[in-house]
Amino acid sequence: MKVGISVRIDVTKIDKSRLYKGSKGTYLDLTTFVDTEEKDQYENNGFISQSLTKEEREQKVQTPILGNVKVFYTDGAVAAPAVSDMSLTEMDEDIPFN
């Protein structure tokens, strides 16, 4: 199944302590939940937030929702639901943080 997803985040909500240096840049682990069959009142299919460690999930820590995801294309195929984890998203050094 092919799905096209548009992601929009508010970079001012990023917890900068979760940014980490890798060999090719600065990264932030993100997680998104997408429902291709339902949309909210703003036509979004899900949200994106900063990823949690196993310990944080067990402690029920919540990170802020950074933005929304919108499915703009599907090939029509039906597949079993899958969790999409967007990790190692390279941050652009030119993004200004307050």
N, C-alpha and C. Protein backbone atom coordinates (compact mmCIF):
# COMPACT_ATOMS: atom_id res chain seq x y z
N MET A 1 0.84 -1.18 0.00
CA MET A 1 0.00 0.00 0.00
C MET A 1 0.88 1.24 0.00
N LYS A 2 0.60 2.15 -0.88
CA LYS A 2 1.33 3.40 -0.93
C LYS A 2 0.45 4.51 -0.37
N VAL A 3 1.06 5.35 0.46
CA VAL A 3 0.34 6.46 1.07
C VAL A 3 1.21 7.70 0.98
N GLY A 4 0.64 8.80 0.54
CA GLY A 4 1.32 10.09 0.57
C GLY A 4 0.82 10.86 1.77
N ILE A 5 1.74 11.33 2.60
CA ILE A 5 1.37 12.02 3.83
C ILE A 5 2.12 13.34 3.90
N SER A 6 1.39 14.39 4.17
CA SER A 6 1.97 15.72 4.37
C SER A 6 2.08 15.95 5.88
N VAL A 7 3.23 16.45 6.32
CA VAL A 7 3.48 16.68 7.74
C VAL A 7 3.79 18.15 7.95
N ARG A 8 3.16 18.76 8.95
CA ARG A 8 3.43 20.15 9.30
C ARG A 8 3.62 20.22 10.81
N ILE A 9 4.79 20.77 11.23
CA ILE A 9 5.04 20.89 12.67
C ILE A 9 5.35 22.33 13.05
N ASP A 10 5.10 22.64 14.29
CA ASP A 10 5.44 23.93 14.88
C ASP A 10 6.78 23.76 15.58
N VAL A 11 7.87 24.22 14.96
CA VAL A 11 9.21 24.00 15.51
C VAL A 11 9.43 24.71 16.84
N THR A 12 8.59 25.68 17.17
CA THR A 12 8.75 26.37 18.47
C THR A 12 8.34 25.47 19.63
N LYS A 13 7.61 24.39 19.34
CA LYS A 13 7.18 23.47 20.40
C LYS A 13 8.17 22.35 20.65
N ILE A 14 9.25 22.28 19.86
CA ILE A 14 10.24 21.21 20.02
C ILE A 14 10.97 21.38 21.35
N ASP A 15 11.05 20.30 22.10
CA ASP A 15 11.86 20.25 23.31
C ASP A 15 13.30 20.08 22.85
N LYS A 16 14.06 21.17 22.86
CA LYS A 16 15.41 21.16 22.31
C LYS A 16 16.36 20.22 23.03
N SER A 17 16.02 19.82 24.26
CA SER A 17 16.88 18.88 24.98
C SER A 17 16.81 17.48 24.35
N ARG A 18 15.82 17.24 23.49
CA ARG A 18 15.68 15.95 22.81
C ARG A 18 16.44 15.90 21.49
N LEU A 19 16.99 17.02 21.05
CA LEU A 19 17.82 17.03 19.85
C LEU A 19 19.15 16.35 20.17
N TYR A 20 19.68 15.61 19.22
CA TYR A 20 20.98 14.97 19.46
C TYR A 20 21.81 15.00 18.18
N LYS A 21 23.11 15.05 18.38
CA LYS A 21 24.06 15.10 17.27
C LYS A 21 24.33 13.69 16.76
N GLY A 22 24.29 13.55 15.47
CA GLY A 22 24.67 12.31 14.82
C GLY A 22 25.87 12.59 13.93
N SER A 23 26.34 11.58 13.25
CA SER A 23 27.52 11.75 12.42
C SER A 23 27.28 12.64 11.20
N LYS A 24 26.00 12.80 10.81
CA LYS A 24 25.70 13.60 9.62
C LYS A 24 24.81 14.79 9.90
N GLY A 25 24.54 15.10 11.16
CA GLY A 25 23.70 16.25 11.45
C GLY A 25 23.09 16.19 12.83
N THR A 26 22.11 17.04 13.06
CA THR A 26 21.37 17.09 14.31
C THR A 26 20.01 16.44 14.07
N TYR A 27 19.59 15.57 14.98
CA TYR A 27 18.39 14.77 14.79
C TYR A 27 17.39 14.94 15.92
N LEU A 28 16.14 14.58 15.61
CA LEU A 28 15.05 14.56 16.58
C LEU A 28 14.18 13.37 16.22
N ASP A 29 13.95 12.47 17.17
CA ASP A 29 13.08 11.32 16.92
C ASP A 29 11.63 11.76 17.08
N LEU A 30 10.82 11.44 16.08
CA LEU A 30 9.41 11.80 16.07
C LEU A 30 8.56 10.56 15.89
N THR A 31 7.32 10.63 16.36
CA THR A 31 6.35 9.56 16.18
C THR A 31 5.08 10.17 15.62
N THR A 32 4.47 9.46 14.68
CA THR A 32 3.20 9.93 14.13
C THR A 32 2.18 8.80 14.17
N PHE A 33 0.95 9.16 14.39
CA PHE A 33 -0.17 8.23 14.34
C PHE A 33 -1.10 8.71 13.24
N VAL A 34 -1.42 7.80 12.31
CA VAL A 34 -2.20 8.18 11.13
C VAL A 34 -3.37 7.22 10.98
N ASP A 35 -4.55 7.79 10.76
CA ASP A 35 -5.73 7.01 10.42
C ASP A 35 -6.12 7.41 9.01
N THR A 36 -5.87 6.54 8.04
CA THR A 36 -6.13 6.89 6.64
C THR A 36 -7.61 6.95 6.31
N GLU A 37 -8.45 6.44 7.20
CA GLU A 37 -9.88 6.38 6.90
C GLU A 37 -10.70 7.47 7.58
N GLU A 38 -10.14 8.16 8.55
CA GLU A 38 -10.91 9.19 9.26
C GLU A 38 -10.13 10.49 9.31
N LYS A 39 -10.86 11.59 9.27
CA LYS A 39 -10.26 12.92 9.38
C LYS A 39 -10.91 13.67 10.53
N ASP A 40 -10.14 14.59 11.11
CA ASP A 40 -10.70 15.42 12.16
C ASP A 40 -11.41 16.62 11.55
N GLN A 41 -11.83 17.55 12.38
CA GLN A 41 -12.58 18.71 11.89
C GLN A 41 -11.77 19.61 10.96
N TYR A 42 -10.43 19.46 10.99
CA TYR A 42 -9.56 20.28 10.14
C TYR A 42 -9.02 19.49 8.94
N GLU A 43 -9.61 18.32 8.68
CA GLU A 43 -9.23 17.46 7.56
C GLU A 43 -7.88 16.77 7.77
N ASN A 44 -7.40 16.68 9.01
CA ASN A 44 -6.15 15.99 9.32
C ASN A 44 -6.44 14.53 9.65
N ASN A 45 -5.47 13.67 9.35
CA ASN A 45 -5.60 12.24 9.61
C ASN A 45 -4.82 11.77 10.83
N GLY A 46 -4.15 12.67 11.50
CA GLY A 46 -3.36 12.26 12.66
C GLY A 46 -2.51 13.39 13.18
N PHE A 47 -1.56 13.02 14.03
CA PHE A 47 -0.68 14.03 14.64
C PHE A 47 0.73 13.50 14.73
N ILE A 48 1.64 14.41 15.06
CA ILE A 48 3.05 14.06 15.21
C ILE A 48 3.55 14.65 16.52
N SER A 49 4.35 13.85 17.22
CA SER A 49 4.92 14.30 18.49
C SER A 49 6.33 13.76 18.61
N GLN A 50 7.04 14.23 19.62
CA GLN A 50 8.39 13.74 19.87
C GLN A 50 8.31 12.34 20.45
N SER A 51 9.23 11.49 20.04
CA SER A 51 9.23 10.10 20.50
C SER A 51 9.61 10.02 21.97
N LEU A 52 9.10 8.97 22.62
CA LEU A 52 9.38 8.71 24.03
C LEU A 52 10.26 7.48 24.17
N THR A 53 11.02 7.44 25.25
CA THR A 53 11.77 6.23 25.56
C THR A 53 10.80 5.22 26.18
N LYS A 54 11.22 3.98 26.30
CA LYS A 54 10.38 2.95 26.91
C LYS A 54 10.02 3.35 28.34
N GLU A 55 10.99 3.88 29.06
CA GLU A 55 10.75 4.29 30.45
C GLU A 55 9.72 5.43 30.52
N GLU A 56 9.82 6.39 29.60
CA GLU A 56 8.87 7.50 29.57
C GLU A 56 7.46 7.00 29.25
N ARG A 57 7.35 6.05 28.33
CA ARG A 57 6.03 5.48 28.01
C ARG A 57 5.44 4.79 29.23
N GLU A 58 6.27 4.03 29.96
CA GLU A 58 5.79 3.35 31.16
C GLU A 58 5.35 4.33 32.23
N GLN A 59 6.01 5.49 32.30
CA GLN A 59 5.65 6.52 33.28
C GLN A 59 4.52 7.42 32.77
N LYS A 60 4.03 7.12 31.55
CA LYS A 60 2.93 7.87 30.92
C LYS A 60 3.26 9.35 30.73
N VAL A 61 4.54 9.61 30.39
CA VAL A 61 4.97 10.97 30.06
C VAL A 61 4.32 11.36 28.74
N GLN A 62 3.91 12.61 28.63
CA GLN A 62 3.33 13.08 27.38
C GLN A 62 4.18 14.23 26.84
N THR A 63 4.49 14.15 25.57
CA THR A 63 5.16 15.26 24.92
C THR A 63 4.12 16.05 24.14
N PRO A 64 4.37 17.32 23.89
CA PRO A 64 3.37 18.11 23.18
C PRO A 64 3.19 17.63 21.74
N ILE A 65 2.00 17.82 21.23
CA ILE A 65 1.75 17.54 19.82
C ILE A 65 2.42 18.67 19.04
N LEU A 66 3.33 18.30 18.15
CA LEU A 66 4.07 19.29 17.37
C LEU A 66 3.32 19.73 16.13
N GLY A 67 2.45 18.89 15.63
CA GLY A 67 1.73 19.25 14.42
C GLY A 67 0.81 18.14 13.97
N ASN A 68 0.38 18.26 12.73
CA ASN A 68 -0.62 17.36 12.18
C ASN A 68 -0.11 16.69 10.92
N VAL A 69 -0.76 15.57 10.58
CA VAL A 69 -0.46 14.86 9.35
C VAL A 69 -1.74 14.74 8.53
N LYS A 70 -1.57 14.85 7.23
CA LYS A 70 -2.71 14.79 6.33
C LYS A 70 -2.39 13.82 5.20
N VAL A 71 -3.23 12.82 5.02
CA VAL A 71 -3.06 11.89 3.91
C VAL A 71 -3.58 12.58 2.65
N PHE A 72 -2.71 12.72 1.65
CA PHE A 72 -3.14 13.35 0.42
C PHE A 72 -3.20 12.37 -0.75
N TYR A 73 -2.72 11.11 -0.53
CA TYR A 73 -2.75 10.11 -1.59
C TYR A 73 -2.74 8.72 -0.99
N THR A 74 -3.56 7.84 -1.53
CA THR A 74 -3.45 6.40 -1.27
C THR A 74 -3.67 5.70 -2.60
N ASP A 75 -3.07 4.53 -2.74
CA ASP A 75 -3.25 3.79 -3.99
C ASP A 75 -4.49 2.92 -3.94
N GLY A 76 -5.25 3.02 -2.83
CA GLY A 76 -6.49 2.27 -2.72
C GLY A 76 -6.35 0.88 -2.18
N ALA A 77 -5.13 0.38 -2.03
CA ALA A 77 -4.91 -0.96 -1.50
C ALA A 77 -5.24 -0.98 -0.01
N VAL A 78 -5.69 -2.13 0.44
CA VAL A 78 -6.02 -2.30 1.86
C VAL A 78 -4.90 -3.09 2.50
N ALA A 79 -4.41 -2.57 3.61
CA ALA A 79 -3.34 -3.25 4.34
C ALA A 79 -3.66 -3.25 5.81
N ALA A 80 -3.03 -4.14 6.54
CA ALA A 80 -3.22 -4.19 7.99
C ALA A 80 -2.70 -2.89 8.59
N PRO A 81 -3.34 -2.39 9.64
CA PRO A 81 -2.87 -1.15 10.27
C PRO A 81 -1.43 -1.30 10.73
N ALA A 82 -0.67 -0.24 10.53
CA ALA A 82 0.73 -0.23 10.95
C ALA A 82 1.03 1.06 11.69
N VAL A 83 1.94 0.98 12.63
CA VAL A 83 2.37 2.17 13.35
C VAL A 83 3.54 2.76 12.58
N SER A 84 3.44 4.02 12.25
CA SER A 84 4.52 4.70 11.54
C SER A 84 5.37 5.45 12.54
N ASP A 85 6.67 5.19 12.55
CA ASP A 85 7.56 5.88 13.46
C ASP A 85 8.58 6.65 12.64
N MET A 86 8.50 7.94 12.69
CA MET A 86 9.44 8.78 11.97
C MET A 86 10.60 9.07 12.91
N SER A 87 11.74 8.45 12.68
CA SER A 87 12.88 8.68 13.55
C SER A 87 14.03 9.23 12.74
N LEU A 88 14.97 9.78 13.44
CA LEU A 88 16.17 10.34 12.83
C LEU A 88 15.84 11.38 11.78
N THR A 89 14.89 12.22 12.09
CA THR A 89 14.53 13.31 11.18
C THR A 89 15.59 14.39 11.30
N GLU A 90 16.28 14.64 10.22
CA GLU A 90 17.37 15.61 10.25
C GLU A 90 16.81 17.02 10.38
N MET A 91 17.35 17.76 11.33
CA MET A 91 16.93 19.14 11.54
C MET A 91 17.81 20.07 10.72
N ASP A 92 17.23 21.05 10.16
CA ASP A 92 17.95 22.04 9.36
C ASP A 92 18.62 23.04 10.31
N GLU A 93 19.90 23.21 10.20
CA GLU A 93 20.65 24.11 11.09
C GLU A 93 20.18 25.55 10.97
N ASP A 94 19.47 25.89 9.89
CA ASP A 94 19.03 27.26 9.69
C ASP A 94 17.73 27.58 10.41
N ILE A 95 17.08 26.59 11.02
CA ILE A 95 15.81 26.85 11.70
C ILE A 95 16.10 27.61 12.98
N PRO A 96 15.49 28.80 13.13
CA PRO A 96 15.76 29.59 14.34
C PRO A 96 14.95 29.05 15.52
N PHE A 97 15.62 28.82 16.63
CA PHE A 97 14.95 28.42 17.86
C PHE A 97 15.05 29.56 18.85
N ASN A 98 13.95 29.79 19.55
CA ASN A 98 13.94 30.85 20.56
C ASN A 98 14.53 30.35 21.86
